[in-house]
C-alpha atoms as a PDB file:
ATOM      1  CA  MET A   1     -10.362  28.454   2.004  1.00  0.00           C
ATOM      2  CA  ASN A   2      -8.532  27.058   4.982  1.00  0.00           C
ATOM      3  CA  SER A   3      -5.437  25.100   3.917  1.00  0.00           C
ATOM      4  CA  ALA A   4      -5.790  22.623   6.801  1.00  0.00           C
ATOM      5  CA  LEU A   5      -9.383  21.821   5.888  1.00  0.00           C
ATOM      6  CA  PHE A   6      -8.411  18.802   3.791  1.00  0.00           C
ATOM      7  CA  LEU A   7      -6.538  17.337   6.790  1.00  0.00           C
ATOM      8  CA  ARG A   8      -9.677  17.397   8.917  1.00  0.00           C
ATOM      9  CA  ASP A   9     -12.019  16.198   6.191  1.00  0.00           C
ATOM     10  CA  THR A  10      -9.872  13.269   5.061  1.00  0.00           C
ATOM     11  CA  PRO A  11     -11.352   9.928   6.192  1.00  0.00           C
ATOM     12  CA  VAL A  12      -9.395   7.877   8.712  1.00  0.00           C
ATOM     13  CA  TRP A  13      -9.057   4.938   6.306  1.00  0.00           C
ATOM     14  CA  VAL A  14      -7.060   7.157   3.926  1.00  0.00           C
ATOM     15  CA  TRP A  15      -4.500   7.932   6.655  1.00  0.00           C
ATOM     16  CA  ILE A  16      -4.280   4.232   7.523  1.00  0.00           C
ATOM     17  CA  LEU A  17      -3.728   3.390   3.854  1.00  0.00           C
ATOM     18  CA  LEU A  18      -1.056   6.091   3.579  1.00  0.00           C
ATOM     19  CA  ALA A  19       0.764   4.747   6.651  1.00  0.00           C
ATOM     20  CA  PHE A  20       0.589   1.194   5.270  1.00  0.00           C
ATOM     21  CA  LEU A  21       1.936   2.236   1.870  1.00  0.00           C
ATOM     22  CA  LEU A  22       4.741   4.282   3.427  1.00  0.00           C
ATOM     23  CA  ARG A  23       5.705   1.314   5.608  1.00  0.00           C
ATOM     24  CA  ARG A  24       5.743  -0.990   2.585  1.00  0.00           C
ATOM     25  CA  GLY A  25       7.787   1.524   0.631  1.00  0.00           C
ATOM     26  CA  PHE A  26      10.427   1.853   3.326  1.00  0.00           C
ATOM     27  CA  ALA A  27      10.521  -1.933   3.750  1.00  0.00           C
ATOM     28  CA  ALA A  28      11.156  -2.284  -0.002  1.00  0.00           C
ATOM     29  CA  LEU A  29      14.424  -0.375   0.406  1.00  0.00           C
ATOM     30  CA  TYR A  30      15.991  -3.387   2.120  1.00  0.00           C
ATOM     31  CA  ASP A  31      16.737  -6.837   0.707  1.00  0.00           C
ATOM     32  CA  ARG A  32      14.723  -9.771   2.033  1.00  0.00           C
ATOM     33  CA  GLU A  33      14.145 -13.381   1.106  1.00  0.00           C
ATOM     34  CA  MET A  34      10.818 -14.502  -0.293  1.00  0.00           C
ATOM     35  CA  THR A  35       9.444 -17.906  -1.146  1.00  0.00           C
ATOM     36  CA  THR A  36       8.532 -18.639  -4.755  1.00  0.00           C
ATOM     37  CA  GLY A  37       4.851 -18.972  -3.870  1.00  0.00           C
ATOM     38  CA  ARG A  38       4.718 -15.586  -2.221  1.00  0.00           C
ATOM     39  CA  LEU A  39       6.640 -14.012  -5.086  1.00  0.00           C
ATOM     40  CA  PHE A  40       3.891 -14.930  -7.582  1.00  0.00           C
ATOM     41  CA  PHE A  41       0.969 -14.249  -5.229  1.00  0.00           C
ATOM     42  CA  LEU A  42       0.320 -10.591  -6.097  1.00  0.00           C
ATOM     43  CA  PRO A  43       0.619 -10.920  -9.900  1.00  0.00           C
ATOM     44  CA  VAL A  44      -1.851 -13.834  -9.820  1.00  0.00           C
ATOM     45  CA  ILE A  45      -4.319 -11.732  -7.822  1.00  0.00           C
ATOM     46  CA  PHE A  46      -4.122  -8.916 -10.375  1.00  0.00           C
ATOM     47  CA  LEU A  47      -4.455 -11.395 -13.242  1.00  0.00           C
ATOM     48  CA  VAL A  48      -7.643 -12.829 -11.734  1.00  0.00           C
ATOM     49  CA  TRP A  49      -8.942  -9.356 -10.943  1.00  0.00           C
ATOM     50  CA  GLY A  50      -8.321  -8.203 -14.511  1.00  0.00           C
ATOM     51  CA  ALA A  51     -10.088 -11.223 -15.952  1.00  0.00           C
END
Protein backbone atom coordinates (compact mmCIF):
# COMPACT_ATOMS: atom_id res chain seq x y z
CA MET A 1 0.00 0.00 0.00
CA ASN A 2 1.29 3.41 -0.93
CA SER A 3 1.95 5.54 2.16
CA ALA A 4 0.96 8.77 0.38
CA LEU A 5 -2.39 7.34 -0.69
CA PHE A 6 -4.22 8.78 2.31
CA LEU A 7 -2.94 12.27 1.41
CA ARG A 8 -4.53 12.08 -2.03
CA ASP A 9 -7.76 10.46 -0.87
CA THR A 10 -8.41 12.86 2.01
CA PRO A 11 -11.27 15.28 1.21
CA VAL A 12 -10.44 18.96 0.88
CA TRP A 13 -12.76 19.91 3.76
CA VAL A 14 -10.61 17.83 6.13
CA TRP A 15 -7.49 19.84 5.21
CA ILE A 16 -9.44 23.09 5.66
CA LEU A 17 -10.64 21.91 9.08
CA LEU A 18 -7.09 20.93 10.05
CA ALA A 19 -5.75 24.35 9.02
CA PHE A 20 -8.53 26.09 10.97
CA LEU A 21 -7.89 24.03 14.11
CA LEU A 22 -4.13 24.58 13.89
CA ARG A 23 -4.69 28.33 13.53
CA ARG A 24 -7.00 28.35 16.55
CA GLY A 25 -4.51 26.32 18.54
CA PHE A 26 -1.63 28.67 17.81
CA ALA A 27 -3.85 31.67 18.56
CA ALA A 28 -4.70 30.13 21.95
CA LEU A 29 -1.03 30.35 22.93
CA TYR A 30 -1.32 34.12 23.29
CA ASP A 31 -3.39 36.15 25.75
CA ARG A 32 -6.31 38.16 24.38
CA GLU A 33 -9.29 40.01 25.77
CA MET A 34 -12.79 38.66 25.32
CA THR A 35 -16.18 40.08 26.14
CA THR A 36 -18.34 38.24 28.66
CA GLY A 37 -20.93 37.43 26.00
CA ARG A 38 -18.40 35.83 23.72
CA LEU A 39 -16.85 33.92 26.61
CA PHE A 40 -20.13 32.06 27.28
CA PHE A 41 -21.11 31.64 23.62
CA LEU A 42 -19.50 28.24 22.94
CA PRO A 43 -20.59 26.52 26.18
CA VAL A 44 -24.19 27.63 25.53
CA ILE A 45 -24.04 26.18 22.01
CA PHE A 46 -22.85 22.82 23.36
CA LEU A 47 -25.50 22.90 26.09
CA VAL A 48 -28.25 23.43 23.52
CA TRP A 49 -26.75 20.81 21.23
CA GLY A 50 -26.60 18.27 24.06
CA ALA A 51 -30.20 18.92 25.03
